[in-house]
C-alpha atoms as a PDB file:
ATOM      1  CA  MET A   1      53.568 -59.873 119.676  1.00  0.00           C
ATOM      2  CA  THR A   2      53.148 -58.036 116.351  1.00  0.00           C
ATOM      3  CA  HIS A   3      55.280 -54.946 115.924  1.00  0.00           C
ATOM      4  CA  LYS A   4      53.395 -51.906 114.578  1.00  0.00           C
ATOM      5  CA  ASN A   5      55.108 -48.833 113.235  1.00  0.00           C
ATOM      6  CA  ALA A   6      53.267 -45.696 114.294  1.00  0.00           C
ATOM      7  CA  SER A   7      53.694 -44.187 110.823  1.00  0.00           C
ATOM      8  CA  SER A   8      52.443 -47.376 109.079  1.00  0.00           C
ATOM      9  CA  PRO A   9      49.182 -48.448 110.787  1.00  0.00           C
ATOM     10  CA  PHE A  10      48.291 -50.982 108.053  1.00  0.00           C
ATOM     11  CA  PRO A  11      50.376 -53.231 105.755  1.00  0.00           C
ATOM     12  CA  LEU A  12      51.059 -52.318 102.153  1.00  0.00           C
ATOM     13  CA  SER A  13      51.157 -54.939  99.404  1.00  0.00           C
ATOM     14  CA  TYR A  14      52.839 -54.751  96.002  1.00  0.00           C
ATOM     15  CA  LYS A  15      49.327 -54.455  94.525  1.00  0.00           C
ATOM     16  CA  ASP A  16      48.653 -51.439  96.766  1.00  0.00           C
ATOM     17  CA  ALA A  17      51.787 -49.889  95.245  1.00  0.00           C
ATOM     18  CA  GLY A  18      50.348 -50.393  91.754  1.00  0.00           C
ATOM     19  CA  VAL A  19      51.879 -53.685  90.637  1.00  0.00           C
ATOM     20  CA  ASP A  20      49.442 -56.566  90.122  1.00  0.00           C
ATOM     21  CA  ILE A  21      51.370 -59.861  90.147  1.00  0.00           C
ATOM     22  CA  ASP A  22      48.179 -61.835  89.483  1.00  0.00           C
ATOM     23  CA  ALA A  23      47.507 -59.821  86.311  1.00  0.00           C
ATOM     24  CA  GLY A  24      51.053 -60.539  85.144  1.00  0.00           C
ATOM     25  CA  ASP A  25      50.551 -64.248  85.741  1.00  0.00           C
ATOM     26  CA  ALA A  26      47.240 -64.144  83.853  1.00  0.00           C
ATOM     27  CA  LEU A  27      48.980 -62.489  80.895  1.00  0.00           C
ATOM     28  CA  ILE A  28      51.670 -65.181  80.793  1.00  0.00           C
ATOM     29  CA  GLU A  29      48.977 -67.863  80.632  1.00  0.00           C
ATOM     30  CA  ARG A  30      47.361 -65.996  77.715  1.00  0.00           C
ATOM     31  CA  ILE A  31      50.703 -65.709  75.912  1.00  0.00           C
ATOM     32  CA  LYS A  32      51.877 -69.328  76.233  1.00  0.00           C
ATOM     33  CA  PRO A  33      49.588 -70.864  73.570  1.00  0.00           C
ATOM     34  CA  LEU A  34      50.394 -67.976  71.201  1.00  0.00           C
ATOM     35  CA  ALA A  35      54.126 -68.508  71.629  1.00  0.00           C
ATOM     36  CA  LYS A  36      53.705 -72.262  71.181  1.00  0.00           C
ATOM     37  CA  LYS A  37      52.499 -71.679  67.604  1.00  0.00           C
ATOM     38  CA  THR A  38      55.868 -70.084  66.762  1.00  0.00           C
ATOM     39  CA  MET A  39      58.060 -72.982  67.903  1.00  0.00           C
ATOM     40  CA  ARG A  40      60.661 -74.216  65.407  1.00  0.00           C
ATOM     41  CA  GLU A  41      63.856 -76.259  65.219  1.00  0.00           C
ATOM     42  CA  GLY A  42      66.478 -75.067  67.673  1.00  0.00           C
ATOM     43  CA  VAL A  43      64.230 -74.103  70.594  1.00  0.00           C
ATOM     44  CA  LEU A  44      65.383 -75.943  73.725  1.00  0.00           C
ATOM     45  CA  ALA A  45      63.554 -73.879  76.344  1.00  0.00           C
ATOM     46  CA  GLY A  46      61.310 -70.903  75.805  1.00  0.00           C
ATOM     47  CA  ILE A  47      58.885 -68.793  77.839  1.00  0.00           C
ATOM     48  CA  GLY A  48      58.878 -69.392  81.585  1.00  0.00           C
ATOM     49  CA  GLY A  49      62.546 -69.671  82.445  1.00  0.00           C
ATOM     50  CA  PHE A  50      65.024 -67.009  83.477  1.00  0.00           C
ATOM     51  CA  GLY A  51      66.656 -67.312  80.063  1.00  0.00           C
ATOM     52  CA  ALA A  52      65.547 -68.892  76.799  1.00  0.00           C
ATOM     53  CA  LEU A  53      67.718 -71.600  75.217  1.00  0.00           C
ATOM     54  CA  PHE A  54      68.247 -71.993  71.481  1.00  0.00           C
ATOM     55  CA  GLU A  55      70.557 -74.287  69.531  1.00  0.00           C
ATOM     56  CA  VAL A  56      71.730 -73.069  66.127  1.00  0.00           C
ATOM     57  CA  PRO A  57      70.412 -75.609  63.570  1.00  0.00           C
ATOM     58  CA  LYS A  58      73.072 -78.143  62.573  1.00  0.00           C
ATOM     59  CA  ARG A  59      72.464 -77.517  58.860  1.00  0.00           C
ATOM     60  CA  TYR A  60      74.657 -74.408  59.243  1.00  0.00           C
ATOM     61  CA  LYS A  61      78.331 -75.196  58.612  1.00  0.00           C
ATOM     62  CA  GLU A  62      79.804 -71.820  59.610  1.00  0.00           C
ATOM     63  CA  PRO A  63      76.923 -69.947  61.249  1.00  0.00           C
ATOM     64  CA  VAL A  64      77.264 -66.236  61.902  1.00  0.00           C
ATOM     65  CA  LEU A  65      74.714 -64.760  64.283  1.00  0.00           C
ATOM     66  CA  VAL A  66      73.027 -61.525  63.227  1.00  0.00           C
ATOM     67  CA  SER A  67      71.075 -59.503  65.794  1.00  0.00           C
ATOM     68  CA  GLY A  68      68.673 -56.599  65.588  1.00  0.00           C
ATOM     69  CA  THR A  69      66.552 -54.507  67.929  1.00  0.00           C
ATOM     70  CA  ASP A  70      63.907 -51.843  67.394  1.00  0.00           C
ATOM     71  CA  GLY A  71      60.607 -50.443  68.595  1.00  0.00           C
ATOM     72  CA  VAL A  72      57.421 -49.178  66.985  1.00  0.00           C
ATOM     73  CA  GLY A  73      57.912 -45.460  67.626  1.00  0.00           C
ATOM     74  CA  THR A  74      55.141 -42.887  67.790  1.00  0.00           C
ATOM     75  CA  LYS A  75      52.789 -45.082  65.786  1.00  0.00           C
ATOM     76  CA  LEU A  76      51.885 -46.298  69.275  1.00  0.00           C
ATOM     77  CA  LYS A  77      50.243 -42.924  69.978  1.00  0.00           C
ATOM     78  CA  LEU A  78      47.670 -43.740  67.296  1.00  0.00           C
ATOM     79  CA  ALA A  79      47.199 -47.222  68.744  1.00  0.00           C
ATOM     80  CA  PHE A  80      46.409 -45.640  72.114  1.00  0.00           C
ATOM     81  CA  GLY A  81      44.081 -42.986  70.704  1.00  0.00           C
ATOM     82  CA  TRP A  82      42.234 -45.285  68.330  1.00  0.00           C
ATOM     83  CA  ASN A  83      42.269 -48.374  70.590  1.00  0.00           C
ATOM     84  CA  MET A  84      43.931 -50.447  67.851  1.00  0.00           C
ATOM     85  CA  HIS A  85      46.427 -52.763  69.564  1.00  0.00           C
ATOM     86  CA  ASP A  86      46.302 -56.012  67.602  1.00  0.00           C
ATOM     87  CA  THR A  87      48.800 -55.179  64.828  1.00  0.00           C
ATOM     88  CA  VAL A  88      51.546 -53.092  66.483  1.00  0.00           C
ATOM     89  CA  GLY A  89      53.139 -56.360  67.631  1.00  0.00           C
ATOM     90  CA  ILE A  90      53.545 -57.315  63.959  1.00  0.00           C
ATOM     91  CA  ASP A  91      55.251 -53.959  63.418  1.00  0.00           C
ATOM     92  CA  LEU A  92      57.596 -54.719  66.298  1.00  0.00           C
ATOM     93  CA  VAL A  93      58.663 -58.043  64.815  1.00  0.00           C
ATOM     94  CA  ALA A  94      58.926 -56.735  61.275  1.00  0.00           C
ATOM     95  CA  MET A  95      61.229 -53.863  62.152  1.00  0.00           C
ATOM     96  CA  SER A  96      63.823 -56.282  63.538  1.00  0.00           C
ATOM     97  CA  VAL A  97      63.423 -59.352  61.306  1.00  0.00           C
ATOM     98  CA  ASN A  98      63.502 -57.259  58.129  1.00  0.00           C
ATOM     99  CA  ASP A  99      66.756 -55.670  59.315  1.00  0.00           C
ATOM    100  CA  VAL A 100      68.323 -59.070  60.074  1.00  0.00           C
ATOM    101  CA  LEU A 101      67.172 -60.292  56.656  1.00  0.00           C
ATOM    102  CA  VAL A 102      69.213 -57.560  54.947  1.00  0.00           C
ATOM    103  CA  GLN A 103      72.417 -59.371  55.963  1.00  0.00           C
ATOM    104  CA  GLY A 104      71.099 -62.499  54.242  1.00  0.00           C
ATOM    105  CA  ALA A 105      70.175 -64.029  57.600  1.00  0.00           C
ATOM    106  CA  GLU A 106      67.267 -66.257  58.570  1.00  0.00           C
ATOM    107  CA  PRO A 107      65.576 -64.947  61.740  1.00  0.00           C
ATOM    108  CA  LEU A 108      65.753 -67.649  64.404  1.00  0.00           C
ATOM    109  CA  PHE A 109      64.188 -66.255  67.558  1.00  0.00           C
ATOM    110  CA  PHE A 110      62.612 -63.122  68.971  1.00  0.00           C
ATOM    111  CA  LEU A 111      62.093 -61.576  72.408  1.00  0.00           C
ATOM    112  CA  ASP A 112      59.755 -58.714  73.262  1.00  0.00           C
ATOM    113  CA  TYR A 113      59.669 -56.112  76.037  1.00  0.00           C
ATOM    114  CA  PHE A 114      56.298 -54.614  77.004  1.00  0.00           C
ATOM    115  CA  ALA A 115      56.333 -51.797  79.573  1.00  0.00           C
ATOM    116  CA  CYS A 116      53.331 -49.983  81.047  1.00  0.00           C
ATOM    117  CA  GLY A 117      52.184 -48.052  84.080  1.00  0.00           C
ATOM    118  CA  LYS A 118      49.243 -50.335  84.883  1.00  0.00           C
ATOM    119  CA  LEU A 119      48.855 -53.691  83.178  1.00  0.00           C
ATOM    120  CA  ASP A 120      45.641 -54.219  81.231  1.00  0.00           C
ATOM    121  CA  VAL A 121      45.679 -57.931  80.412  1.00  0.00           C
ATOM    122  CA  ASP A 122      43.395 -57.664  77.374  1.00  0.00           C
ATOM    123  CA  THR A 123      45.448 -54.880  75.790  1.00  0.00           C
ATOM    124  CA  ALA A 124      48.762 -56.591  76.506  1.00  0.00           C
ATOM    125  CA  ALA A 125      47.440 -59.900  75.165  1.00  0.00           C
ATOM    126  CA  ALA A 126      46.334 -58.175  71.941  1.00  0.00           C
ATOM    127  CA  VAL A 127      49.773 -56.617  71.519  1.00  0.00           C
ATOM    128  CA  VAL A 128      51.680 -59.830  72.239  1.00  0.00           C
ATOM    129  CA  GLY A 129      49.249 -61.719  70.025  1.00  0.00           C
ATOM    130  CA  GLY A 130      50.478 -59.488  67.205  1.00  0.00           C
ATOM    131  CA  VAL A 131      54.072 -60.253  68.165  1.00  0.00           C
ATOM    132  CA  ALA A 132      53.356 -63.980  67.992  1.00  0.00           C
ATOM    133  CA  ARG A 133      51.613 -63.598  64.631  1.00  0.00           C
ATOM    134  CA  GLY A 134      54.585 -61.671  63.238  1.00  0.00           C
ATOM    135  CA  CYS A 135      56.955 -64.368  64.448  1.00  0.00           C
ATOM    136  CA  GLU A 136      54.782 -67.105  62.973  1.00  0.00           C
ATOM    137  CA  LEU A 137      54.725 -65.381  59.569  1.00  0.00           C
ATOM    138  CA  SER A 138      58.514 -64.952  59.698  1.00  0.00           C
ATOM    139  CA  GLY A 139      59.346 -68.516  60.766  1.00  0.00           C
ATOM    140  CA  CYS A 140      60.856 -67.053  63.917  1.00  0.00           C
ATOM    141  CA  ALA A 141      60.309 -68.434  67.427  1.00  0.00           C
ATOM    142  CA  LEU A 142      58.892 -66.161  70.129  1.00  0.00           C
ATOM    143  CA  ILE A 143      61.220 -67.558  72.745  1.00  0.00           C
ATOM    144  CA  GLY A 144      60.908 -65.104  75.627  1.00  0.00           C
ATOM    145  CA  GLY A 145      60.178 -61.578  76.730  1.00  0.00           C
ATOM    146  CA  GLU A 146      59.433 -59.274  79.608  1.00  0.00           C
ATOM    147  CA  THR A 147      56.331 -57.497  80.857  1.00  0.00           C
ATOM    148  CA  ALA A 148      57.175 -54.571  83.132  1.00  0.00           C
ATOM    149  CA  GLU A 149      54.457 -52.854  85.169  1.00  0.00           C
ATOM    150  CA  MET A 150      55.910 -49.574  86.437  1.00  0.00           C
ATOM    151  CA  PRO A 151      53.402 -47.288  88.205  1.00  0.00           C
ATOM    152  CA  GLY A 152      53.997 -43.623  87.527  1.00  0.00           C
ATOM    153  CA  MET A 153      56.280 -44.190  84.538  1.00  0.00           C
ATOM    154  CA  TYR A 154      53.609 -44.139  81.800  1.00  0.00           C
ATOM    155  CA  PRO A 155      50.287 -42.292  81.411  1.00  0.00           C
ATOM    156  CA  ALA A 156      47.134 -44.355  81.882  1.00  0.00           C
ATOM    157  CA  GLY A 157      46.396 -46.546  78.868  1.00  0.00           C
ATOM    158  CA  GLU A 158      49.854 -46.187  77.342  1.00  0.00           C
ATOM    159  CA  TYR A 159      52.748 -48.598  76.960  1.00  0.00           C
ATOM    160  CA  ASP A 160      56.047 -48.965  75.138  1.00  0.00           C
ATOM    161  CA  LEU A 161      57.492 -51.814  73.123  1.00  0.00           C
ATOM    162  CA  ALA A 162      60.937 -53.049  72.213  1.00  0.00           C
ATOM    163  CA  GLY A 163      61.890 -56.145  70.262  1.00  0.00           C
ATOM    164  CA  PHE A 164      65.055 -58.190  69.856  1.00  0.00           C
ATOM    165  CA  CYS A 165      65.790 -60.664  67.066  1.00  0.00           C
ATOM    166  CA  VAL A 166      68.668 -63.074  66.457  1.00  0.00           C
ATOM    167  CA  GLY A 167      69.210 -64.700  63.069  1.00  0.00           C
ATOM    168  CA  ALA A 168      71.883 -66.804  61.394  1.00  0.00           C
ATOM    169  CA  VAL A 169      73.611 -66.818  58.021  1.00  0.00           C
ATOM    170  CA  GLU A 170      76.356 -68.955  56.533  1.00  0.00           C
ATOM    171  CA  LYS A 171      79.583 -66.994  56.731  1.00  0.00           C
ATOM    172  CA  SER A 172      80.132 -67.446  52.987  1.00  0.00           C
ATOM    173  CA  LYS A 173      76.660 -66.060  52.202  1.00  0.00           C
ATOM    174  CA  ILE A 174      76.658 -62.818  54.185  1.00  0.00           C
ATOM    175  CA  LEU A 175      75.372 -60.002  51.982  1.00  0.00           C
ATOM    176  CA  THR A 176      77.990 -57.229  51.988  1.00  0.00           C
ATOM    177  CA  GLY A 177      77.225 -55.398  48.740  1.00  0.00           C
ATOM    178  CA  SER A 178      80.951 -55.413  47.934  1.00  0.00           C
ATOM    179  CA  ASP A 179      80.351 -56.824  44.422  1.00  0.00           C
ATOM    180  CA  ILE A 180      77.809 -54.157  43.431  1.00  0.00           C
ATOM    181  CA  LYS A 181      78.827 -52.388  40.217  1.00  0.00           C
ATOM    182  CA  PRO A 182      77.421 -49.724  37.865  1.00  0.00           C
ATOM    183  CA  GLY A 183      74.716 -51.208  35.681  1.00  0.00           C
ATOM    184  CA  ASP A 184      73.190 -53.390  38.393  1.00  0.00           C
ATOM    185  CA  LEU A 185      69.464 -52.897  38.783  1.00  0.00           C
ATOM    186  CA  VAL A 186      67.546 -51.733  41.847  1.00  0.00           C
ATOM    187  CA  LEU A 187      64.295 -53.607  42.460  1.00  0.00           C
ATOM    188  CA  GLY A 188      61.713 -52.222  44.859  1.00  0.00           C
ATOM    189  CA  LEU A 189      59.288 -54.418  46.790  1.00  0.00           C
ATOM    190  CA  ALA A 190      56.040 -52.647  47.616  1.00  0.00           C
ATOM    191  CA  SER A 191      55.335 -51.671  51.210  1.00  0.00           C
ATOM    192  CA  SER A 192      52.017 -52.327  52.927  1.00  0.00           C
ATOM    193  CA  GLY A 193      51.750 -48.658  53.903  1.00  0.00           C
ATOM    194  CA  VAL A 194      53.663 -46.271  56.130  1.00  0.00           C
ATOM    195  CA  HIS A 195      55.109 -49.213  58.123  1.00  0.00           C
ATOM    196  CA  SER A 196      56.619 -47.854  61.388  1.00  0.00           C
ATOM    197  CA  ASN A 197      58.574 -44.727  60.478  1.00  0.00           C
ATOM    198  CA  GLY A 198      57.580 -41.130  59.953  1.00  0.00           C
ATOM    199  CA  PHE A 199      54.633 -41.180  62.343  1.00  0.00           C
ATOM    200  CA  SER A 200      55.545 -37.917  64.044  1.00  0.00           C
ATOM    201  CA  LEU A 201      54.796 -36.289  60.679  1.00  0.00           C
ATOM    202  CA  VAL A 202      51.819 -38.586  60.034  1.00  0.00           C
ATOM    203  CA  ARG A 203      50.243 -37.452  63.293  1.00  0.00           C
ATOM    204  CA  LYS A 204      50.774 -33.790  62.336  1.00  0.00           C
ATOM    205  CA  CYS A 205      49.022 -34.501  59.020  1.00  0.00           C
ATOM    206  CA  ILE A 206      46.081 -36.062  60.876  1.00  0.00           C
ATOM    207  CA  GLU A 207      45.871 -32.995  63.115  1.00  0.00           C
ATOM    208  CA  ARG A 208      46.073 -30.639  60.114  1.00  0.00           C
ATOM    209  CA  ALA A 209      43.370 -32.524  58.188  1.00  0.00           C
ATOM    210  CA  GLY A 210      41.008 -32.714  61.162  1.00  0.00           C
ATOM    211  CA  VAL A 211      37.445 -33.469  60.121  1.00  0.00           C
ATOM    212  CA  ASN A 212      38.491 -33.206  56.459  1.00  0.00           C
ATOM    213  CA  ALA A 213      40.545 -36.406  56.609  1.00  0.00           C
ATOM    214  CA  PRO A 214      39.374 -38.875  53.940  1.00  0.00           C
ATOM    215  CA  ALA A 215      37.061 -41.720  54.919  1.00  0.00           C
ATOM    216  CA  THR A 216      39.147 -44.249  53.012  1.00  0.00           C
ATOM    217  CA  LEU A 217      42.617 -44.568  51.479  1.00  0.00           C
ATOM    218  CA  ASP A 218      43.480 -47.260  48.946  1.00  0.00           C
ATOM    219  CA  GLY A 219      40.166 -48.962  49.618  1.00  0.00           C
ATOM    220  CA  LYS A 220      40.669 -49.229  53.394  1.00  0.00           C
ATOM    221  CA  PRO A 221      39.102 -47.220  56.214  1.00  0.00           C
ATOM    222  CA  PHE A 222      41.322 -44.233  57.032  1.00  0.00           C
ATOM    223  CA  LYS A 223      42.517 -45.490  60.413  1.00  0.00           C
ATOM    224  CA  GLN A 224      43.184 -49.006  59.147  1.00  0.00           C
ATOM    225  CA  ALA A 225      45.197 -47.654  56.208  1.00  0.00           C
ATOM    226  CA  LEU A 226      47.485 -45.749  58.565  1.00  0.00           C
ATOM    227  CA  MET A 227      47.780 -48.607  61.076  1.00  0.00           C
ATOM    228  CA  GLU A 228      48.415 -51.312  58.462  1.00  0.00           C
ATOM    229  CA  PRO A 229      51.352 -53.282  59.900  1.00  0.00           C
ATOM    230  CA  THR A 230      54.834 -53.355  58.425  1.00  0.00           C
ATOM    231  CA  ARG A 231      55.175 -55.967  55.691  1.00  0.00           C
ATOM    232  CA  LEU A 232      57.172 -59.059  56.626  1.00  0.00           C
ATOM    233  CA  TYR A 233      59.512 -59.825  53.711  1.00  0.00           C
ATOM    234  CA  VAL A 234      61.389 -62.701  55.340  1.00  0.00           C
ATOM    235  CA  LYS A 235      60.037 -65.885  53.770  1.00  0.00           C
ATOM    236  CA  ASN A 236      59.721 -64.555  50.214  1.00  0.00           C
ATOM    237  CA  VAL A 237      63.113 -62.869  50.174  1.00  0.00           C
ATOM    238  CA  LEU A 238      64.875 -65.879  51.724  1.00  0.00           C
ATOM    239  CA  ALA A 239      63.419 -67.992  48.899  1.00  0.00           C
ATOM    240  CA  ALA A 240      64.713 -65.479  46.346  1.00  0.00           C
ATOM    241  CA  LEU A 241      68.137 -65.465  48.011  1.00  0.00           C
ATOM    242  CA  ALA A 242      68.308 -69.246  47.683  1.00  0.00           C
ATOM    243  CA  ALA A 243      67.532 -69.077  43.963  1.00  0.00           C
ATOM    244  CA  HIS A 244      69.236 -65.919  42.696  1.00  0.00           C
ATOM    245  CA  PRO A 245      72.609 -64.123  43.159  1.00  0.00           C
ATOM    246  CA  ILE A 246      71.239 -61.091  45.014  1.00  0.00           C
ATOM    247  CA  LYS A 247      74.048 -58.661  45.838  1.00  0.00           C
ATOM    248  CA  ALA A 248      72.421 -56.533  48.521  1.00  0.00           C
ATOM    249  CA  LEU A 249      69.172 -55.765  50.317  1.00  0.00           C
ATOM    250  CA  ALA A 250      68.054 -52.554  52.013  1.00  0.00           C
ATOM    251  CA  HIS A 251      65.168 -52.278  54.475  1.00  0.00           C
ATOM    252  CA  ILE A 252      63.522 -48.888  53.934  1.00  0.00           C
ATOM    253  CA  THR A 253      62.912 -47.430  57.382  1.00  0.00           C
ATOM    254  CA  GLY A 254      63.743 -44.050  58.966  1.00  0.00           C
ATOM    255  CA  GLY A 255      65.531 -41.973  56.343  1.00  0.00           C
ATOM    256  CA  GLY A 256      63.506 -43.470  53.516  1.00  0.00           C
ATOM    257  CA  LEU A 257      64.890 -44.600  50.181  1.00  0.00           C
ATOM    258  CA  LEU A 258      67.463 -41.843  49.936  1.00  0.00           C
ATOM    259  CA  GLU A 259      69.294 -42.654  53.153  1.00  0.00           C
ATOM    260  CA  ASN A 260      68.860 -46.427  53.478  1.00  0.00           C
ATOM    261  CA  ILE A 261      69.996 -47.633  50.050  1.00  0.00           C
ATOM    262  CA  PRO A 262      73.460 -45.981  50.373  1.00  0.00           C
ATOM    263  CA  ARG A 263      74.075 -48.010  53.548  1.00  0.00           C
ATOM    264  CA  VAL A 264      74.607 -51.143  51.415  1.00  0.00           C
ATOM    265  CA  LEU A 265      76.492 -49.585  48.479  1.00  0.00           C
ATOM    266  CA  PRO A 266      80.285 -49.808  48.084  1.00  0.00           C
ATOM    267  CA  GLU A 267      82.285 -46.601  47.908  1.00  0.00           C
ATOM    268  CA  GLY A 268      82.216 -44.940  44.506  1.00  0.00           C
ATOM    269  CA  THR A 269      78.712 -46.079  43.565  1.00  0.00           C
ATOM    270  CA  ALA A 270      75.266 -44.515  43.781  1.00  0.00           C
ATOM    271  CA  ALA A 271      71.653 -45.539  43.263  1.00  0.00           C
ATOM    272  CA  HIS A 272      69.848 -43.525  40.583  1.00  0.00           C
ATOM    273  CA  LEU A 273      66.146 -43.930  41.304  1.00  0.00           C
ATOM    274  CA  THR A 274      63.775 -43.161  38.442  1.00  0.00           C
ATOM    275  CA  LYS A 275      60.895 -40.850  39.318  1.00  0.00           C
ATOM    276  CA  GLY A 276      57.536 -42.430  38.532  1.00  0.00           C
ATOM    277  CA  SER A 277      58.926 -45.975  38.230  1.00  0.00           C
ATOM    278  CA  TRP A 278      56.558 -47.120  40.961  1.00  0.00           C
ATOM    279  CA  PRO A 279      53.037 -45.783  41.609  1.00  0.00           C
ATOM    280  CA  GLN A 280      52.263 -43.482  44.502  1.00  0.00           C
ATOM    281  CA  THR A 281      49.363 -44.840  46.553  1.00  0.00           C
ATOM    282  CA  GLU A 282      46.466 -42.699  47.758  1.00  0.00           C
ATOM    283  CA  LEU A 283      47.925 -42.898  51.254  1.00  0.00           C
ATOM    284  CA  PHE A 284      51.279 -41.388  50.323  1.00  0.00           C
ATOM    285  CA  ALA A 285      49.691 -38.879  47.954  1.00  0.00           C
ATOM    286  CA  TRP A 286      47.470 -37.696  50.832  1.00  0.00           C
ATOM    287  CA  LEU A 287      50.454 -37.431  53.191  1.00  0.00           C
ATOM    288  CA  GLN A 288      52.483 -35.464  50.637  1.00  0.00           C
ATOM    289  CA  THR A 289      49.643 -33.071  49.839  1.00  0.00           C
ATOM    290  CA  THR A 290      48.651 -32.575  53.481  1.00  0.00           C
ATOM    291  CA  ALA A 291      52.221 -32.023  54.638  1.00  0.00           C
ATOM    292  CA  GLY A 292      53.020 -29.878  51.595  1.00  0.00           C
ATOM    293  CA  ILE A 293      56.428 -31.482  51.002  1.00  0.00           C
ATOM    294  CA  ASP A 294      58.353 -32.184  47.782  1.00  0.00           C
ATOM    295  CA  ASP A 295      59.440 -35.524  46.308  1.00  0.00           C
ATOM    296  CA  PHE A 296      62.870 -35.327  47.914  1.00  0.00           C
ATOM    297  CA  GLU A 297      61.429 -34.922  51.404  1.00  0.00           C
ATOM    298  CA  MET A 298      58.857 -37.685  50.798  1.00  0.00           C
ATOM    299  CA  ASN A 299      61.562 -40.144  49.820  1.00  0.00           C
ATOM    300  CA  ARG A 300      63.756 -39.467  52.812  1.00  0.00           C
ATOM    301  CA  THR A 301      60.950 -39.333  55.406  1.00  0.00           C
ATOM    302  CA  PHE A 302      58.744 -42.257  54.352  1.00  0.00           C
ATOM    303  CA  ASN A 303      59.243 -45.516  52.490  1.00  0.00           C
ATOM    304  CA  ASN A 304      56.859 -43.867  49.965  1.00  0.00           C
ATOM    305  CA  GLY A 305      55.580 -47.226  48.784  1.00  0.00           C
ATOM    306  CA  ILE A 306      58.809 -49.265  48.705  1.00  0.00           C
ATOM    307  CA  GLY A 307      59.595 -51.265  51.853  1.00  0.00           C
ATOM    308  CA  MET A 308      62.533 -53.399  50.714  1.00  0.00           C
ATOM    309  CA  VAL A 309      65.129 -52.915  47.977  1.00  0.00           C
ATOM    310  CA  VAL A 310      67.027 -55.622  46.093  1.00  0.00           C
ATOM    311  CA  VAL A 311      70.240 -54.916  44.160  1.00  0.00           C
ATOM    312  CA  ILE A 312      71.079 -57.525  41.523  1.00  0.00           C
ATOM    313  CA  ASP A 313      72.924 -57.905  38.220  1.00  0.00           C
ATOM    314  CA  ALA A 314      70.772 -56.702  35.331  1.00  0.00           C
ATOM    315  CA  ALA A 315      70.935 -60.119  33.625  1.00  0.00           C
ATOM    316  CA  GLN A 316      69.449 -61.796  36.719  1.00  0.00           C
ATOM    317  CA  ALA A 317      66.900 -59.144  37.628  1.00  0.00           C
ATOM    318  CA  GLY A 318      64.007 -60.468  35.541  1.00  0.00           C
ATOM    319  CA  ALA A 319      64.190 -63.977  36.955  1.00  0.00           C
ATOM    320  CA  CYS A 320      64.549 -62.674  40.521  1.00  0.00           C
ATOM    321  CA  ALA A 321      61.561 -60.365  40.088  1.00  0.00           C
ATOM    322  CA  ALA A 322      59.515 -63.260  38.702  1.00  0.00           C
ATOM    323  CA  THR A 323      60.342 -65.431  41.745  1.00  0.00           C
ATOM    324  CA  LEU A 324      59.337 -62.648  44.123  1.00  0.00           C
ATOM    325  CA  ARG A 325      56.119 -61.907  42.232  1.00  0.00           C
ATOM    326  CA  ALA A 326      55.170 -65.591  42.199  1.00  0.00           C
ATOM    327  CA  ALA A 327      55.574 -65.581  45.997  1.00  0.00           C
ATOM    328  CA  GLY A 328      53.193 -62.624  46.351  1.00  0.00           C
ATOM    329  CA  GLU A 329      55.454 -59.577  46.298  1.00  0.00           C
ATOM    330  CA  THR A 330      54.739 -56.550  44.141  1.00  0.00           C
ATOM    331  CA  VAL A 331      58.036 -55.712  42.411  1.00  0.00           C
ATOM    332  CA  TYR A 332      59.174 -52.676  40.427  1.00  0.00           C
ATOM    333  CA  VAL A 333      62.442 -51.848  38.691  1.00  0.00           C
ATOM    334  CA  ILE A 334      63.022 -48.498  40.401  1.00  0.00           C
ATOM    335  CA  GLY A 335      66.581 -47.592  39.431  1.00  0.00           C
ATOM    336  CA  VAL A 336      70.097 -48.487  38.453  1.00  0.00           C
ATOM    337  CA  ILE A 337      73.509 -48.416  40.103  1.00  0.00           C
ATOM    338  CA  ALA A 338      75.816 -45.727  38.678  1.00  0.00           C
ATOM    339  CA  GLU A 339      79.164 -44.227  39.480  1.00  0.00           C
ATOM    340  CA  ARG A 340      79.082 -41.954  42.493  1.00  0.00           C
ATOM    341  CA  GLY A 341      78.277 -38.353  41.677  1.00  0.00           C
ATOM    342  CA  ASP A 342      76.710 -35.705  43.896  1.00  0.00           C
ATOM    343  CA  GLY A 343      74.860 -38.157  46.129  1.00  0.00           C
ATOM    344  CA  ALA A 344      74.767 -41.811  47.077  1.00  0.00           C
ATOM    345  CA  ALA A 345      71.062 -42.077  46.244  1.00  0.00           C
ATOM    346  CA  VAL A 346      69.368 -39.587  43.944  1.00  0.00           C
ATOM    347  CA  LEU A 347      66.064 -39.202  42.138  1.00  0.00           C
ATOM    348  CA  VAL A 348      66.385 -38.818  38.387  1.00  0.00           C
ATOM    349  CA  ASP A 349      63.806 -37.996  35.714  1.00  0.00           C
END
């Protein structure tokens, strides 16, 4: 005899409650071949298990693990509104692998977390496809992740992302910046655009411009220029690290040039950045004009055209810049290390 509760005349499934297990399974099948392209030495077990297994490559004598985590921020609001989901996964990877790189570390593996109210397999596959592409370009294995469908937690059509990266560096080669001294040069590697910081202000600029927003910026359609994914510096900078005595790296994220460079400087030193030593792109010129902000605010809100900074002895700077340029980076000498004065990073004429 089947028991029936008077208040529950018919059964409820998980799908009735808003969670579609079949859709989740379909997404996993879409992801597997993408993740397979990112496999590298060290992966023992990846997607599908309760935990991913990774063995630190035996070429490391004294490996130190370096970890990083980040998201994409409010840039996702533009992805939702413009239905542009295929590159935010690259942003997710870049924000973590570029941070790990700053310690001198090689990114080894990456995990992603995708959360939504209702799972749309095509959208999720586009996002995770970007994650896999970012990992592939960084030599980093997409070894696992989580897709969470949580009805009522997110508005329809929206999702959130988080990423987690683990890298390794020889203990003797960790970049600490402790040997930085006045006279060292500051090299700036060009960004691909806004990257993934400052989008709360970017969105205000879009609102302010309205129908008067330009059709193109720097030769790209307006929306594409703003959604251009964060540049992945890993492979080119690792090659430069192997060939030149780089003293420190700084990933230019939230806080811009003025707040990120001091994070790698020893006490008593400052970075004097020369105004006009790198060109301002149409994109950043439009943002500055539309927002009506000065140079100081531009350089502590946005990367303003410089996504990664290298600090190196002046005698080695030319050769290092040549290596990076040969690999495809656009490099500028943007400043010099000086004795600490009024600020740890300042703009000078």
